[in-house]
Amino acid sequence: MINKDDQFWHDLNEREEEWSYEKMEFDKKAHYYDGFDKGFVKGLSEIRTESVKKIQ
């Protein structure tokens, strides 16, 4: 039979594992979107540069 203290620590460990998995997934998505945004901005700046060169 599990006493209350053991059950508390067992539940806490399970919640920490779930949190670490969720944080890992969030970090992967944040890294992906950050890279996408940087690439998008870089692409826009290159298009603008080429447009200005064509006008001049």
PDB file of N, CA and C in Angstrom:
ATOM      1  N   MET A   1       0.837  -1.180   0.000  1.00  0.00           N
ATOM      2  CA  MET A   1       0.000   0.000   0.000  1.00  0.00           C
ATOM      3  C   MET A   1       0.884   1.245   0.000  1.00  0.00           C
ATOM      4  N   ILE A   2       0.536   2.222  -0.825  1.00  0.00           N
ATOM      5  CA  ILE A   2       1.315   3.450  -0.945  1.00  0.00           C
ATOM      6  C   ILE A   2       0.792   4.468   0.067  1.00  0.00           C
ATOM      7  N   ASN A   3       1.725   5.029   0.839  1.00  0.00           N
ATOM      8  CA  ASN A   3       1.273   6.061   1.776  1.00  0.00           C
ATOM      9  C   ASN A   3       1.147   7.400   1.056  1.00  0.00           C
ATOM     10  N   LYS A   4       0.612   8.403   1.725  1.00  0.00           N
ATOM     11  CA  LYS A   4       0.315   9.691   1.090  1.00  0.00           C
ATOM     12  C   LYS A   4       1.565  10.394   0.585  1.00  0.00           C
ATOM     13  N   ASP A   5       2.651  10.323   1.321  1.00  0.00           N
ATOM     14  CA  ASP A   5       3.889  10.977   0.886  1.00  0.00           C
ATOM     15  C   ASP A   5       4.417  10.350  -0.406  1.00  0.00           C
ATOM     16  N   ASP A   6       4.443   9.031  -0.462  1.00  0.00           N
ATOM     17  CA  ASP A   6       4.906   8.350  -1.665  1.00  0.00           C
ATOM     18  C   ASP A   6       4.020   8.683  -2.864  1.00  0.00           C
ATOM     19  N   GLN A   7       2.714   8.725  -2.638  1.00  0.00           N
ATOM     20  CA  GLN A   7       1.784   9.047  -3.712  1.00  0.00           C
ATOM     21  C   GLN A   7       2.003  10.476  -4.190  1.00  0.00           C
ATOM     22  N   PHE A   8       2.239  11.397  -3.255  1.00  0.00           N
ATOM     23  CA  PHE A   8       2.496  12.794  -3.610  1.00  0.00           C
ATOM     24  C   PHE A   8       3.719  12.907  -4.508  1.00  0.00           C
ATOM     25  N   TRP A   9       4.833  12.266  -4.116  1.00  0.00           N
ATOM     26  CA  TRP A   9       6.059  12.353  -4.908  1.00  0.00           C
ATOM     27  C   TRP A   9       5.916  11.648  -6.244  1.00  0.00           C
ATOM     28  N   HIS A  10       5.178  10.574  -6.261  1.00  0.00           N
ATOM     29  CA  HIS A  10       4.936   9.864  -7.515  1.00  0.00           C
ATOM     30  C   HIS A  10       4.137  10.764  -8.482  1.00  0.00           C
ATOM     31  N   ASP A  11       3.094  11.400  -7.986  1.00  0.00           N
ATOM     32  CA  ASP A  11       2.291  12.305  -8.811  1.00  0.00           C
ATOM     33  C   ASP A  11       3.108  13.497  -9.275  1.00  0.00           C
ATOM     34  N   LEU A  12       3.934  14.031  -8.402  1.00  0.00           N
ATOM     35  CA  LEU A  12       4.769  15.174  -8.747  1.00  0.00           C
ATOM     36  C   LEU A  12       5.746  14.808  -9.868  1.00  0.00           C
ATOM     37  N   ASN A  13       6.357  13.648  -9.781  1.00  0.00           N
ATOM     38  CA  ASN A  13       7.288  13.200 -10.822  1.00  0.00           C
ATOM     39  C   ASN A  13       6.580  13.039 -12.162  1.00  0.00           C
ATOM     40  N   GLU A  14       5.378  12.501 -12.141  1.00  0.00           N
ATOM     41  CA  GLU A  14       4.625  12.342 -13.389  1.00  0.00           C
ATOM     42  C   GLU A  14       4.294  13.707 -14.002  1.00  0.00           C
ATOM     43  N   ARG A  15       3.902  14.659 -13.160  1.00  0.00           N
ATOM     44  CA  ARG A  15       3.593  15.995 -13.673  1.00  0.00           C
ATOM     45  C   ARG A  15       4.840  16.674 -14.236  1.00  0.00           C
ATOM     46  N   GLU A  16       5.981  16.496 -13.595  1.00  0.00           N
ATOM     47  CA  GLU A  16       7.223  17.084 -14.108  1.00  0.00           C
ATOM     48  C   GLU A  16       7.613  16.474 -15.456  1.00  0.00           C
ATOM     49  N   GLU A  17       7.416  15.179 -15.608  1.00  0.00           N
ATOM     50  CA  GLU A  17       7.715  14.534 -16.884  1.00  0.00           C
ATOM     51  C   GLU A  17       6.800  15.067 -17.985  1.00  0.00           C
ATOM     52  N   GLU A  18       5.519  15.229 -17.682  1.00  0.00           N
ATOM     53  CA  GLU A  18       4.585  15.769 -18.662  1.00  0.00           C
ATOM     54  C   GLU A  18       4.961  17.197 -19.025  1.00  0.00           C
ATOM     55  N   TRP A  19       5.327  17.985 -18.023  1.00  0.00           N
ATOM     56  CA  TRP A  19       5.703  19.377 -18.266  1.00  0.00           C
ATOM     57  C   TRP A  19       6.956  19.454 -19.136  1.00  0.00           C
ATOM     58  N   SER A  20       7.929  18.616 -18.859  1.00  0.00           N
ATOM     59  CA  SER A  20       9.171  18.667 -19.641  1.00  0.00           C
ATOM     60  C   SER A  20       8.901  18.266 -21.090  1.00  0.00           C
ATOM     61  N   TYR A  21       7.998  17.305 -21.316  1.00  0.00           N
ATOM     62  CA  TYR A  21       7.648  16.913 -22.678  1.00  0.00           C
ATOM     63  C   TYR A  21       6.940  18.072 -23.388  1.00  0.00           C
ATOM     64  N   GLU A  22       5.983  18.716 -22.706  1.00  0.00           N
ATOM     65  CA  GLU A  22       5.268  19.846 -23.298  1.00  0.00           C
ATOM     66  C   GLU A  22       6.221  20.993 -23.607  1.00  0.00           C
ATOM     67  N   LYS A  23       7.168  21.259 -22.711  1.00  0.00           N
ATOM     68  CA  LYS A  23       8.135  22.325 -22.933  1.00  0.00           C
ATOM     69  C   LYS A  23       9.027  22.002 -24.128  1.00  0.00           C
ATOM     70  N   MET A  24       9.417  20.753 -24.265  1.00  0.00           N
ATOM     71  CA  MET A  24      10.244  20.346 -25.396  1.00  0.00           C
ATOM     72  C   MET A  24       9.489  20.570 -26.710  1.00  0.00           C
ATOM     73  N   GLU A  25       8.207  20.204 -26.753  1.00  0.00           N
ATOM     74  CA  GLU A  25       7.396  20.415 -27.948  1.00  0.00           C
ATOM     75  C   GLU A  25       7.242  21.906 -28.241  1.00  0.00           C
ATOM     76  N   PHE A  26       7.018  22.706 -27.201  1.00  0.00           N
ATOM     77  CA  PHE A  26       6.891  24.152 -27.378  1.00  0.00           C
ATOM     78  C   PHE A  26       8.181  24.748 -27.921  1.00  0.00           C
ATOM     79  N   ASP A  27       9.312  24.329 -27.376  1.00  0.00           N
ATOM     80  CA  ASP A  27      10.606  24.840 -27.829  1.00  0.00           C
ATOM     81  C   ASP A  27      10.870  24.489 -29.290  1.00  0.00           C
ATOM     82  N   LYS A  28      10.471  23.267 -29.710  1.00  0.00           N
ATOM     83  CA  LYS A  28      10.647  22.885 -31.116  1.00  0.00           C
ATOM     84  C   LYS A  28       9.820  23.788 -32.022  1.00  0.00           C
ATOM     85  N   LYS A  29       8.579  24.042 -31.636  1.00  0.00           N
ATOM     86  CA  LYS A  29       7.707  24.895 -32.454  1.00  0.00           C
ATOM     87  C   LYS A  29       8.226  26.332 -32.473  1.00  0.00           C
ATOM     88  N   ALA A  30       8.669  26.823 -31.318  1.00  0.00           N
ATOM     89  CA  ALA A  30       9.179  28.195 -31.251  1.00  0.00           C
ATOM     90  C   ALA A  30      10.418  28.339 -32.127  1.00  0.00           C
ATOM     91  N   HIS A  31      11.290  27.353 -32.107  1.00  0.00           N
ATOM     92  CA  HIS A  31      12.495  27.381 -32.940  1.00  0.00           C
ATOM     93  C   HIS A  31      12.118  27.383 -34.419  1.00  0.00           C
ATOM     94  N   TYR A  32      11.140  26.561 -34.785  1.00  0.00           N
ATOM     95  CA  TYR A  32      10.694  26.488 -36.180  1.00  0.00           C
ATOM     96  C   TYR A  32      10.125  27.828 -36.632  1.00  0.00           C
ATOM     97  N   TYR A  33       9.214  28.396 -35.839  1.00  0.00           N
ATOM     98  CA  TYR A  33       8.582  29.649 -36.241  1.00  0.00           C
ATOM     99  C   TYR A  33       9.564  30.808 -36.224  1.00  0.00           C
ATOM    100  N   ASP A  34      10.514  30.788 -35.305  1.00  0.00           N
ATOM    101  CA  ASP A  34      11.536  31.837 -35.268  1.00  0.00           C
ATOM    102  C   ASP A  34      12.372  31.795 -36.540  1.00  0.00           C
ATOM    103  N   GLY A  35      12.767  30.615 -36.949  1.00  0.00           N
ATOM    104  CA  GLY A  35      13.542  30.466 -38.184  1.00  0.00           C
ATOM    105  C   GLY A  35      12.727  30.845 -39.406  1.00  0.00           C
ATOM    106  N   PHE A  36      11.454  30.489 -39.409  1.00  0.00           N
ATOM    107  CA  PHE A  36      10.576  30.845 -40.519  1.00  0.00           C
ATOM    108  C   PHE A  36      10.459  32.357 -40.634  1.00  0.00           C
ATOM    109  N   ASP A  37      10.247  33.028 -39.498  1.00  0.00           N
ATOM    110  CA  ASP A  37      10.115  34.487 -39.508  1.00  0.00           C
ATOM    111  C   ASP A  37      11.387  35.163 -39.990  1.00  0.00           C
ATOM    112  N   LYS A  38      12.534  34.678 -39.537  1.00  0.00           N
ATOM    113  CA  LYS A  38      13.806  35.269 -39.971  1.00  0.00           C
ATOM    114  C   LYS A  38      14.001  35.078 -41.471  1.00  0.00           C
ATOM    115  N   GLY A  39      13.673  33.903 -41.970  1.00  0.00           N
ATOM    116  CA  GLY A  39      13.796  33.643 -43.397  1.00  0.00           C
ATOM    117  C   GLY A  39      12.835  34.489 -44.208  1.00  0.00           C
ATOM    118  N   PHE A  40      11.632  34.685 -43.692  1.00  0.00           N
ATOM    119  CA  PHE A  40      10.637  35.497 -44.379  1.00  0.00           C
ATOM    120  C   PHE A  40      11.094  36.948 -44.471  1.00  0.00           C
ATOM    121  N   VAL A  41      11.609  37.475 -43.366  1.00  0.00           N
ATOM    122  CA  VAL A  41      12.094  38.858 -43.359  1.00  0.00           C
ATOM    123  C   VAL A  41      13.290  39.007 -44.285  1.00  0.00           C
ATOM    124  N   LYS A  42      14.184  38.032 -44.278  1.00  0.00           N
ATOM    125  CA  LYS A  42      15.348  38.085 -45.162  1.00  0.00           C
ATOM    126  C   LYS A  42      14.909  38.068 -46.624  1.00  0.00           C
ATOM    127  N   GLY A  43      13.927  37.227 -46.946  1.00  0.00           N
ATOM    128  CA  GLY A  43      13.413  37.168 -48.306  1.00  0.00           C
ATOM    129  C   GLY A  43      12.775  38.482 -48.729  1.00  0.00           C
ATOM    130  N   LEU A  44      12.025  39.107 -47.837  1.00  0.00           N
ATOM    131  CA  LEU A  44      11.409  40.398 -48.155  1.00  0.00           C
ATOM    132  C   LEU A  44      12.460  41.466 -48.412  1.00  0.00           C
ATOM    133  N   SER A  45      13.501  41.476 -47.587  1.00  0.00           N
ATOM    134  CA  SER A  45      14.542  42.501 -47.763  1.00  0.00           C
ATOM    135  C   SER A  45      15.282  42.289 -49.090  1.00  0.00           C
ATOM    136  N   GLU A  46      15.495  41.036 -49.475  1.00  0.00           N
ATOM    137  CA  GLU A  46      16.158  40.766 -50.762  1.00  0.00           C
ATOM    138  C   GLU A  46      15.272  41.202 -51.928  1.00  0.00           C
ATOM    139  N   ILE A  47      13.989  40.957 -51.823  1.00  0.00           N
ATOM    140  CA  ILE A  47      13.059  41.376 -52.882  1.00  0.00           C
ATOM    141  C   ILE A  47      13.044  42.891 -52.997  1.00  0.00           C
ATOM    142  N   ARG A  48      13.020  43.567 -51.869  1.00  0.00           N
ATOM    143  CA  ARG A  48      13.027  45.035 -51.893  1.00  0.00           C
ATOM    144  C   ARG A  48      14.315  45.570 -52.505  1.00  0.00           C
ATOM    145  N   THR A  49      15.437  44.956 -52.154  1.00  0.00           N
ATOM    146  CA  THR A  49      16.721  45.385 -52.696  1.00  0.00           C
ATOM    147  C   THR A  49      16.749  45.224 -54.214  1.00  0.00           C
ATOM    148  N   GLU A  50      16.271  44.070 -54.690  1.00  0.00           N
ATOM    149  CA  GLU A  50      16.245  43.831 -56.135  1.00  0.00           C
ATOM    150  C   GLU A  50      15.280  44.801 -56.834  1.00  0.00           C
ATOM    151  N   SER A  51      14.167  45.119 -56.195  1.00  0.00           N
ATOM    152  CA  SER A  51      13.202  46.060 -56.787  1.00  0.00           C
ATOM    153  C   SER A  51      13.790  47.435 -56.919  1.00  0.00           C
ATOM    154  N   VAL A  52      14.523  47.866 -55.905  1.00  0.00           N
ATOM    155  CA  VAL A  52      15.162  49.187 -55.945  1.00  0.00           C
ATOM    156  C   VAL A  52      16.221  49.225 -57.040  1.00  0.00           C
ATOM    157  N   LYS A  53      16.995  48.149 -57.194  1.00  0.00           N
ATOM    158  CA  LYS A  53      18.014  48.094 -58.239  1.00  0.00           C
ATOM    159  C   LYS A  53      17.377  48.172 -59.623  1.00  0.00           C
ATOM    160  N   LYS A  54      16.234  47.534 -59.822  1.00  0.00           N
ATOM    161  CA  LYS A  54      15.571  47.540 -61.111  1.00  0.00           C
ATOM    162  C   LYS A  54      15.026  48.946 -61.438  1.00  0.00           C
ATOM    163  N   ILE A  55      14.543  49.650 -60.425  1.00  0.00           N
ATOM    164  CA  ILE A  55      13.994  50.992 -60.636  1.00  0.00           C
ATOM    165  C   ILE A  55      15.100  51.971 -61.016  1.00  0.00           C
ATOM    166  N   GLN A  56      16.252  51.838 -60.418  1.00  0.00           N
ATOM    167  CA  GLN A  56      17.348  52.780 -60.669  1.00  0.00           C
ATOM    168  C   GLN A  56      17.973  52.434 -61.949  1.00  0.00           C
TER     169      GLN A  56
END
